[in-house]
Structure formats: C-alpha cells, structure tokens
Amino acid sequence: MRVMAVTLLFHIRDKGVVKKLVYDNAGRKVSEEKFNDIKNVVLENTNARLPTGLYSNITLYVIDGNVDATRNNAILVVKKSK
C-alpha cells in the first residue's frame, strides 16, 4: 500500500514566515517546519495547486506528495522529494 502525502505551505507575507505541514493519507500530521525571514516562495517540479488560497497577507499552497524546502537567503525553494 502506497502512502500519499499532502504538503501545505502557508506563506504569511507580512511577517515573512513560511510554515510547511505534511499530512499522510489518513489526515495525520507527519511533520512541521517553520522558516523565518522569507520574502518569496519558488516551487520547482512539484504537483502544486497554486495558489489555493490568498487571504489578506497569507498564501496557501497545496502540494501533492512530500517536498524538500531549502532556504536561499530570503527565498524558499521547494522541490519534489526524491
């Protein structure tokens, strides 16, 4: 049985914070990461529905599967996990 993960990225633009939450197919939270001082989010080679929500100063990205997030100065680069 293959476990399908869903990744949620919340970019709170006015505070420069990105929260990455990963959930399994049963809806359980698998992991959580927080990145501070982020100006932009770049998505590379991901199955993303972008942006899913844009509410005031918060952008929500819903990405199928797990992703790796790497900080490059004030840019968060998000790539598909290998």
C-alpha atoms as a PDB file:
ATOM      1  CA  MET A   1       0.000   0.000   0.000  1.00  0.00           C
ATOM      2  CA  ARG A   2       1.420   3.355  -1.031  1.00  0.00           C
ATOM      3  CA  VAL A   3       1.137   6.263   1.386  1.00  0.00           C
ATOM      4  CA  MET A   4       0.261   9.530  -0.316  1.00  0.00           C
ATOM      5  CA  ALA A   5       1.243  12.679   1.491  1.00  0.00           C
ATOM      6  CA  VAL A   6      -0.111  16.181   1.096  1.00  0.00           C
ATOM      7  CA  THR A   7       2.023  19.214   1.887  1.00  0.00           C
ATOM      8  CA  LEU A   8       0.535  22.553   2.914  1.00  0.00           C
ATOM      9  CA  LEU A   9       2.669  25.693   2.684  1.00  0.00           C
ATOM     10  CA  PHE A  10       1.379  28.775   4.466  1.00  0.00           C
ATOM     11  CA  HIS A  11       3.270  31.925   3.441  1.00  0.00           C
ATOM     12  CA  ILE A  12       2.462  34.724   5.885  1.00  0.00           C
ATOM     13  CA  ARG A  13       3.913  37.526   3.789  1.00  0.00           C
ATOM     14  CA  ASP A  14       3.721  40.469   6.185  1.00  0.00           C
ATOM     15  CA  LYS A  15       5.677  38.527   8.843  1.00  0.00           C
ATOM     16  CA  GLY A  16       8.000  36.741   6.390  1.00  0.00           C
ATOM     17  CA  VAL A  17       7.092  33.334   7.811  1.00  0.00           C
ATOM     18  CA  VAL A  18       6.504  30.091   5.891  1.00  0.00           C
ATOM     19  CA  LYS A  19       5.006  27.063   7.654  1.00  0.00           C
ATOM     20  CA  LYS A  20       5.343  23.667   5.968  1.00  0.00           C
ATOM     21  CA  LEU A  21       2.926  20.974   7.180  1.00  0.00           C
ATOM     22  CA  VAL A  22       2.917  17.401   5.823  1.00  0.00           C
ATOM     23  CA  TYR A  23      -0.095  15.106   6.286  1.00  0.00           C
ATOM     24  CA  ASP A  24      -0.462  11.409   5.401  1.00  0.00           C
ATOM     25  CA  ASN A  25      -3.449   9.890   3.586  1.00  0.00           C
ATOM     26  CA  ALA A  26      -5.261   9.325   6.914  1.00  0.00           C
ATOM     27  CA  GLY A  27      -5.097  13.030   7.758  1.00  0.00           C
ATOM     28  CA  ARG A  28      -2.428  12.715  10.458  1.00  0.00           C
ATOM     29  CA  LYS A  29       0.253  15.391  10.682  1.00  0.00           C
ATOM     30  CA  VAL A  30       3.605  13.793   9.814  1.00  0.00           C
ATOM     31  CA  SER A  31       5.912  16.793  10.098  1.00  0.00           C
ATOM     32  CA  GLU A  32       6.011  20.537  10.574  1.00  0.00           C
ATOM     33  CA  GLU A  33       8.720  23.083   9.722  1.00  0.00           C
ATOM     34  CA  LYS A  34       8.865  26.847  10.130  1.00  0.00           C
ATOM     35  CA  PHE A  35      11.026  29.250   8.115  1.00  0.00           C
ATOM     36  CA  ASN A  36      11.523  32.892   9.148  1.00  0.00           C
ATOM     37  CA  ASP A  37      12.527  35.982   7.110  1.00  0.00           C
ATOM     38  CA  ILE A  38      11.222  34.609   3.777  1.00  0.00           C
ATOM     39  CA  LYS A  39      10.228  37.103   1.068  1.00  0.00           C
ATOM     40  CA  ASN A  40       9.401  34.707  -1.812  1.00  0.00           C
ATOM     41  CA  VAL A  41       8.494  31.057  -2.340  1.00  0.00           C
ATOM     42  CA  VAL A  42       9.698  29.305  -5.516  1.00  0.00           C
ATOM     43  CA  LEU A  43       8.101  25.976  -6.499  1.00  0.00           C
ATOM     44  CA  GLU A  44      10.205  23.707  -8.737  1.00  0.00           C
ATOM     45  CA  ASN A  45       8.953  20.434 -10.231  1.00  0.00           C
ATOM     46  CA  THR A  46       6.048  19.999  -7.802  1.00  0.00           C
ATOM     47  CA  ASN A  47       2.457  18.891  -8.233  1.00  0.00           C
ATOM     48  CA  ALA A  48       1.070  22.073  -6.736  1.00  0.00           C
ATOM     49  CA  ARG A  49      -2.311  23.697  -6.979  1.00  0.00           C
ATOM     50  CA  LEU A  50      -1.082  27.250  -6.751  1.00  0.00           C
ATOM     51  CA  PRO A  51      -2.097  29.285  -5.003  1.00  0.00           C
ATOM     52  CA  THR A  52      -5.058  27.556  -3.441  1.00  0.00           C
ATOM     53  CA  GLY A  53      -5.917  30.423  -1.167  1.00  0.00           C
ATOM     54  CA  LEU A  54      -4.975  34.052  -0.994  1.00  0.00           C
ATOM     55  CA  TYR A  55      -6.367  35.649   2.134  1.00  0.00           C
ATOM     56  CA  SER A  56      -5.134  39.114   3.047  1.00  0.00           C
ATOM     57  CA  ASN A  57      -1.426  38.506   3.724  1.00  0.00           C
ATOM     58  CA  ILE A  58      -1.480  34.681   3.705  1.00  0.00           C
ATOM     59  CA  THR A  59      -0.942  32.489   0.643  1.00  0.00           C
ATOM     60  CA  LEU A  60      -1.741  28.765   0.895  1.00  0.00           C
ATOM     61  CA  TYR A  61      -0.116  26.252  -1.457  1.00  0.00           C
ATOM     62  CA  VAL A  62      -1.436  22.661  -1.545  1.00  0.00           C
ATOM     63  CA  ILE A  63       1.138  20.257  -2.978  1.00  0.00           C
ATOM     64  CA  ASP A  64       0.555  16.571  -3.745  1.00  0.00           C
ATOM     65  CA  GLY A  65       3.293  14.498  -2.106  1.00  0.00           C
ATOM     66  CA  ASN A  66       6.156  15.453   0.178  1.00  0.00           C
ATOM     67  CA  VAL A  67       8.603  18.201  -0.785  1.00  0.00           C
ATOM     68  CA  ASP A  68      12.016  19.431   0.335  1.00  0.00           C
ATOM     69  CA  ALA A  69      12.300  23.097   1.284  1.00  0.00           C
ATOM     70  CA  THR A  70      15.683  24.818   1.066  1.00  0.00           C
ATOM     71  CA  ARG A  71      16.403  28.361   2.158  1.00  0.00           C
ATOM     72  CA  ASN A  72      18.430  30.575  -0.197  1.00  0.00           C
ATOM     73  CA  ASN A  73      18.764  33.968   1.538  1.00  0.00           C
ATOM     74  CA  ALA A  74      15.196  35.345   1.663  1.00  0.00           C
ATOM     75  CA  ILE A  75      13.887  32.840  -0.920  1.00  0.00           C
ATOM     76  CA  LEU A  76      12.440  29.438  -0.018  1.00  0.00           C
ATOM     77  CA  VAL A  77      12.964  26.921  -2.843  1.00  0.00           C
ATOM     78  CA  VAL A  78      10.524  23.999  -2.722  1.00  0.00           C
ATOM     79  CA  LYS A  79      11.314  20.850  -4.754  1.00  0.00           C
ATOM     80  CA  LYS A  80       9.764  17.406  -5.025  1.00  0.00           C
ATOM     81  CA  SER A  81      11.303  14.891  -2.584  1.00  0.00           C
ATOM     82  CA  LYS A  82      13.288  12.063  -4.094  1.00  0.00           C
END
